Amino acid sequence: MTADDVKKLLGLQPHPREGGWYVRTYEAVETVGAEAFADGRYGSPRRTGTAIYYLLEPGTFSEMHRLKSDEVFHFYAGDAVEMLQLREAGSGRRVLLGNDLEGAARPQVVVDRGVWQGSRLVAGGSWALMGCSVSPGFEFEDYEEGRRTALSVQWPEWEEMIEGLTRG
């Protein structure tokens, strides 16, 4: 199976913000009011959860960004994906999503709200299909794009990977 086969079978479209291909597969009917969050991070009610299929292929990547909600990635098929996570306290880590458990890959990875994240196929990979579940549910207004220079200044040890996961 090719990336084009997967895109066609699942009805994937270009992601309008972060890159790669996606389709929303679930939106909870239930919502939670913005006032339920003492930190004021949401300006309006949010669905209790949302989910998407997400596909990466050569030449695409999930740009560095952060969300106001927790996100769980689920690896389904294809080649491994490397993810960079950067925390405000100054720490960073590279996480591998995939099936090679003995090689430190994991089929599920959590990204806490507010953590900068970006992903790409491992070198030589042809495609990867993942799922992303977000709670409270994702809305585009909760998406913050990472700026290459600002991220590189705060996390200089990750500068090379940041450059590969940001657009000019």
C-alpha atoms as a PDB file:
ATOM      1  CA  MET A   1       0.000   0.000   0.000  1.00  0.00           C
ATOM      2  CA  THR A   2       1.198   3.500  -0.805  1.00  0.00           C
ATOM      3  CA  ALA A   3       0.587   6.845   0.884  1.00  0.00           C
ATOM      4  CA  ASP A   4      -1.712   7.770  -2.012  1.00  0.00           C
ATOM      5  CA  ASP A   5      -3.733   4.580  -1.426  1.00  0.00           C
ATOM      6  CA  VAL A   6      -4.143   5.440   2.265  1.00  0.00           C
ATOM      7  CA  LYS A   7      -5.130   9.044   1.475  1.00  0.00           C
ATOM      8  CA  LYS A   8      -7.783   7.879  -0.972  1.00  0.00           C
ATOM      9  CA  LEU A   9      -9.176   5.066   1.212  1.00  0.00           C
ATOM     10  CA  LEU A  10      -9.485   7.283   4.302  1.00  0.00           C
ATOM     11  CA  GLY A  11     -10.437  10.522   2.530  1.00  0.00           C
ATOM     12  CA  LEU A  12      -7.414  12.439   3.825  1.00  0.00           C
ATOM     13  CA  GLN A  13      -6.945  16.091   2.875  1.00  0.00           C
ATOM     14  CA  PRO A  14      -3.943  18.443   3.299  1.00  0.00           C
ATOM     15  CA  HIS A  15      -3.798  19.739   6.874  1.00  0.00           C
ATOM     16  CA  PRO A  16      -4.418  23.502   6.587  1.00  0.00           C
ATOM     17  CA  ARG A  17      -2.017  24.500   9.368  1.00  0.00           C
ATOM     18  CA  GLU A  18       0.636  22.019  10.446  1.00  0.00           C
ATOM     19  CA  GLY A  19       1.376  19.988   7.304  1.00  0.00           C
ATOM     20  CA  GLY A  20       0.751  16.375   6.399  1.00  0.00           C
ATOM     21  CA  TRP A  21      -2.653  14.866   5.606  1.00  0.00           C
ATOM     22  CA  TYR A  22      -5.678  14.422   7.884  1.00  0.00           C
ATOM     23  CA  VAL A  23      -9.390  13.858   8.329  1.00  0.00           C
ATOM     24  CA  ARG A  24     -11.429  14.387  11.484  1.00  0.00           C
ATOM     25  CA  THR A  25     -13.001  11.082  12.486  1.00  0.00           C
ATOM     26  CA  TYR A  26     -14.683  11.980  15.783  1.00  0.00           C
ATOM     27  CA  GLU A  27     -16.232  14.956  17.548  1.00  0.00           C
ATOM     28  CA  ALA A  28     -17.841  14.447  20.946  1.00  0.00           C
ATOM     29  CA  VAL A  29     -21.403  15.703  21.216  1.00  0.00           C
ATOM     30  CA  GLU A  30     -20.825  16.771  24.818  1.00  0.00           C
ATOM     31  CA  THR A  31     -19.135  20.080  25.538  1.00  0.00           C
ATOM     32  CA  VAL A  32     -17.539  21.684  28.559  1.00  0.00           C
ATOM     33  CA  GLY A  33     -17.874  25.402  29.227  1.00  0.00           C
ATOM     34  CA  ALA A  34     -14.884  27.739  29.102  1.00  0.00           C
ATOM     35  CA  GLU A  35     -15.558  28.714  32.714  1.00  0.00           C
ATOM     36  CA  ALA A  36     -14.676  25.167  33.803  1.00  0.00           C
ATOM     37  CA  PHE A  37     -10.998  26.022  33.239  1.00  0.00           C
ATOM     38  CA  ALA A  38      -9.725  28.355  35.940  1.00  0.00           C
ATOM     39  CA  ASP A  39      -6.711  29.358  33.833  1.00  0.00           C
ATOM     40  CA  GLY A  40      -8.959  30.931  31.179  1.00  0.00           C
ATOM     41  CA  ARG A  41      -7.254  29.125  28.282  1.00  0.00           C
ATOM     42  CA  TYR A  42     -10.463  28.737  26.263  1.00  0.00           C
ATOM     43  CA  GLY A  43     -12.668  31.601  25.129  1.00  0.00           C
ATOM     44  CA  SER A  44     -15.689  29.412  24.382  1.00  0.00           C
ATOM     45  CA  PRO A  45     -17.019  25.903  25.116  1.00  0.00           C
ATOM     46  CA  ARG A  46     -15.020  22.899  23.859  1.00  0.00           C
ATOM     47  CA  ARG A  47     -16.094  19.430  22.835  1.00  0.00           C
ATOM     48  CA  THR A  48     -14.953  16.900  25.406  1.00  0.00           C
ATOM     49  CA  GLY A  49     -12.865  15.163  22.731  1.00  0.00           C
ATOM     50  CA  THR A  50     -11.927  14.981  19.041  1.00  0.00           C
ATOM     51  CA  ALA A  51      -9.902  12.548  16.928  1.00  0.00           C
ATOM     52  CA  ILE A  52      -8.240  12.505  13.505  1.00  0.00           C
ATOM     53  CA  TYR A  53      -6.295  10.244  11.187  1.00  0.00           C
ATOM     54  CA  TYR A  54      -2.948  11.860  10.348  1.00  0.00           C
ATOM     55  CA  LEU A  55      -0.479  10.837   7.631  1.00  0.00           C
ATOM     56  CA  LEU A  56       3.104  11.908   6.983  1.00  0.00           C
ATOM     57  CA  GLU A  57       5.172  11.153   3.887  1.00  0.00           C
ATOM     58  CA  PRO A  58       8.534  12.389   2.559  1.00  0.00           C
ATOM     59  CA  GLY A  59       8.504  16.146   2.095  1.00  0.00           C
ATOM     60  CA  THR A  60       5.834  16.638   4.769  1.00  0.00           C
ATOM     61  CA  PHE A  61       6.134  17.179   8.491  1.00  0.00           C
ATOM     62  CA  SER A  62       4.059  18.311  11.434  1.00  0.00           C
ATOM     63  CA  GLU A  63       5.444  21.772  12.101  1.00  0.00           C
ATOM     64  CA  MET A  64       6.438  22.828  15.600  1.00  0.00           C
ATOM     65  CA  HIS A  65       3.295  23.920  17.404  1.00  0.00           C
ATOM     66  CA  ARG A  66       1.534  23.704  20.723  1.00  0.00           C
ATOM     67  CA  LEU A  67      -2.066  23.207  21.779  1.00  0.00           C
ATOM     68  CA  LYS A  68      -4.173  24.263  24.746  1.00  0.00           C
ATOM     69  CA  SER A  69      -5.290  20.628  25.261  1.00  0.00           C
ATOM     70  CA  ASP A  70      -3.563  17.302  25.859  1.00  0.00           C
ATOM     71  CA  GLU A  71      -3.012  15.179  22.731  1.00  0.00           C
ATOM     72  CA  VAL A  72      -2.452  11.444  22.381  1.00  0.00           C
ATOM     73  CA  PHE A  73      -0.802  10.070  19.214  1.00  0.00           C
ATOM     74  CA  HIS A  74      -1.543   6.504  18.132  1.00  0.00           C
ATOM     75  CA  PHE A  75       0.701   4.780  15.565  1.00  0.00           C
ATOM     76  CA  TYR A  76      -1.205   2.594  13.092  1.00  0.00           C
ATOM     77  CA  ALA A  77       0.887   1.681  10.057  1.00  0.00           C
ATOM     78  CA  GLY A  78       3.916   2.474   7.915  1.00  0.00           C
ATOM     79  CA  ASP A  79       7.338   3.691   8.934  1.00  0.00           C
ATOM     80  CA  ALA A  80       8.445   5.171  12.249  1.00  0.00           C
ATOM     81  CA  VAL A  81       8.006   8.841  13.068  1.00  0.00           C
ATOM     82  CA  GLU A  82      10.291  10.971  15.213  1.00  0.00           C
ATOM     83  CA  MET A  83       8.729  13.643  17.388  1.00  0.00           C
ATOM     84  CA  LEU A  84      10.421  16.537  19.136  1.00  0.00           C
ATOM     85  CA  GLN A  85       8.843  17.746  22.380  1.00  0.00           C
ATOM     86  CA  LEU A  86      10.038  20.950  24.052  1.00  0.00           C
ATOM     87  CA  ARG A  87       8.889  21.962  27.531  1.00  0.00           C
ATOM     88  CA  GLU A  88       8.823  25.532  28.829  1.00  0.00           C
ATOM     89  CA  ALA A  89      11.235  24.598  31.629  1.00  0.00           C
ATOM     90  CA  GLY A  90      13.920  24.236  28.946  1.00  0.00           C
ATOM     91  CA  SER A  91      14.014  20.475  28.558  1.00  0.00           C
ATOM     92  CA  GLY A  92      13.470  18.637  25.293  1.00  0.00           C
ATOM     93  CA  ARG A  93      13.234  15.075  24.098  1.00  0.00           C
ATOM     94  CA  ARG A  94      13.023  13.082  20.903  1.00  0.00           C
ATOM     95  CA  VAL A  95      10.308  10.409  20.917  1.00  0.00           C
ATOM     96  CA  LEU A  96       9.913   7.604  18.386  1.00  0.00           C
ATOM     97  CA  LEU A  97       6.422   6.489  17.319  1.00  0.00           C
ATOM     98  CA  GLY A  98       6.257   3.075  15.690  1.00  0.00           C
ATOM     99  CA  ASN A  99       6.085  -0.683  16.095  1.00  0.00           C
ATOM    100  CA  ASP A 100       9.722  -1.456  16.988  1.00  0.00           C
ATOM    101  CA  LEU A 101       9.215  -1.707  20.735  1.00  0.00           C
ATOM    102  CA  GLU A 102      12.662  -3.226  21.321  1.00  0.00           C
ATOM    103  CA  GLY A 103      14.149  -0.276  19.415  1.00  0.00           C
ATOM    104  CA  ALA A 104      12.489   2.215  21.818  1.00  0.00           C
ATOM    105  CA  ALA A 105       9.558   3.076  19.525  1.00  0.00           C
ATOM    106  CA  ARG A 106       6.151   3.384  21.137  1.00  0.00           C
ATOM    107  CA  PRO A 107       2.731   2.954  19.495  1.00  0.00           C
ATOM    108  CA  GLN A 108       1.227   5.662  21.713  1.00  0.00           C
ATOM    109  CA  VAL A 109       2.728   8.991  22.793  1.00  0.00           C
ATOM    110  CA  VAL A 110       1.203  11.699  24.980  1.00  0.00           C
ATOM    111  CA  VAL A 111       1.861  15.402  24.413  1.00  0.00           C
ATOM    112  CA  ASP A 112       0.814  17.498  27.400  1.00  0.00           C
ATOM    113  CA  ARG A 113      -0.927  20.794  26.703  1.00  0.00           C
ATOM    114  CA  GLY A 114       1.475  23.678  26.214  1.00  0.00           C
ATOM    115  CA  VAL A 115       4.390  21.468  25.076  1.00  0.00           C
ATOM    116  CA  TRP A 116       5.921  22.419  21.737  1.00  0.00           C
ATOM    117  CA  GLN A 117       5.816  19.476  19.337  1.00  0.00           C
ATOM    118  CA  GLY A 118       6.745  18.608  15.773  1.00  0.00           C
ATOM    119  CA  SER A 119       7.071  15.313  13.886  1.00  0.00           C
ATOM    120  CA  ARG A 120       8.518  13.835  10.716  1.00  0.00           C
ATOM    121  CA  LEU A 121       9.194  10.455   9.198  1.00  0.00           C
ATOM    122  CA  VAL A 122      12.472   8.860  10.184  1.00  0.00           C
ATOM    123  CA  ALA A 123      15.080   9.106   7.426  1.00  0.00           C
ATOM    124  CA  GLY A 124      14.281   6.743   4.566  1.00  0.00           C
ATOM    125  CA  GLY A 125      10.630   6.289   5.566  1.00  0.00           C
ATOM    126  CA  SER A 126       7.917   6.318   2.897  1.00  0.00           C
ATOM    127  CA  TRP A 127       4.764   7.022   4.942  1.00  0.00           C
ATOM    128  CA  ALA A 128       3.206   6.709   8.391  1.00  0.00           C
ATOM    129  CA  LEU A 129      -0.433   6.628   9.458  1.00  0.00           C
ATOM    130  CA  MET A 130      -1.259   7.811  12.954  1.00  0.00           C
ATOM    131  CA  GLY A 131      -4.268   8.934  14.913  1.00  0.00           C
ATOM    132  CA  CYS A 132      -4.481  11.901  17.256  1.00  0.00           C
ATOM    133  CA  SER A 133      -6.997  12.194  20.085  1.00  0.00           C
ATOM    134  CA  VAL A 134      -7.384  15.580  21.801  1.00  0.00           C
ATOM    135  CA  SER A 135      -9.177  16.389  25.056  1.00  0.00           C
ATOM    136  CA  PRO A 136     -10.752  18.869  25.482  1.00  0.00           C
ATOM    137  CA  GLY A 137     -11.395  18.738  21.747  1.00  0.00           C
ATOM    138  CA  PHE A 138      -9.246  20.517  19.185  1.00  0.00           C
ATOM    139  CA  GLU A 139     -10.274  23.826  17.637  1.00  0.00           C
ATOM    140  CA  PHE A 140      -8.011  25.690  15.213  1.00  0.00           C
ATOM    141  CA  GLU A 141      -8.028  28.774  17.447  1.00  0.00           C
ATOM    142  CA  ASP A 142      -6.150  26.691  20.065  1.00  0.00           C
ATOM    143  CA  TYR A 143      -3.220  26.086  17.678  1.00  0.00           C
ATOM    144  CA  GLU A 144      -0.025  28.130  18.080  1.00  0.00           C
ATOM    145  CA  GLU A 145       2.662  27.878  15.390  1.00  0.00           C
ATOM    146  CA  GLY A 146       6.264  27.713  16.565  1.00  0.00           C
ATOM    147  CA  ARG A 147       8.757  30.296  15.284  1.00  0.00           C
ATOM    148  CA  ARG A 148      12.150  28.877  14.297  1.00  0.00           C
ATOM    149  CA  THR A 149      14.312  31.635  15.758  1.00  0.00           C
ATOM    150  CA  ALA A 150      12.487  31.885  19.085  1.00  0.00           C
ATOM    151  CA  LEU A 151      12.481  28.110  19.598  1.00  0.00           C
ATOM    152  CA  SER A 152      16.165  27.793  18.618  1.00  0.00           C
ATOM    153  CA  VAL A 153      17.175  30.520  21.078  1.00  0.00           C
ATOM    154  CA  GLN A 154      15.338  28.839  23.961  1.00  0.00           C
ATOM    155  CA  TRP A 155      16.399  25.270  23.036  1.00  0.00           C
ATOM    156  CA  PRO A 156      19.771  25.648  21.217  1.00  0.00           C
ATOM    157  CA  GLU A 157      20.665  21.959  21.665  1.00  0.00           C
ATOM    158  CA  TRP A 158      17.658  21.075  19.430  1.00  0.00           C
ATOM    159  CA  GLU A 159      18.341  23.740  16.770  1.00  0.00           C
ATOM    160  CA  GLU A 160      18.959  21.279  13.921  1.00  0.00           C
ATOM    161  CA  MET A 161      15.718  19.386  14.514  1.00  0.00           C
ATOM    162  CA  ILE A 162      13.781  22.641  15.068  1.00  0.00           C
ATOM    163  CA  GLU A 163      15.021  23.876  11.682  1.00  0.00           C
ATOM    164  CA  GLY A 164      13.714  20.694  10.038  1.00  0.00           C
ATOM    165  CA  LEU A 165      10.311  21.081  11.708  1.00  0.00           C
ATOM    166  CA  THR A 166       9.619  24.761  10.981  1.00  0.00           C
ATOM    167  CA  ARG A 167       8.991  26.794   7.848  1.00  0.00           C
ATOM    168  CA  GLY A 168      11.477  29.614   7.252  1.00  0.00           C
END
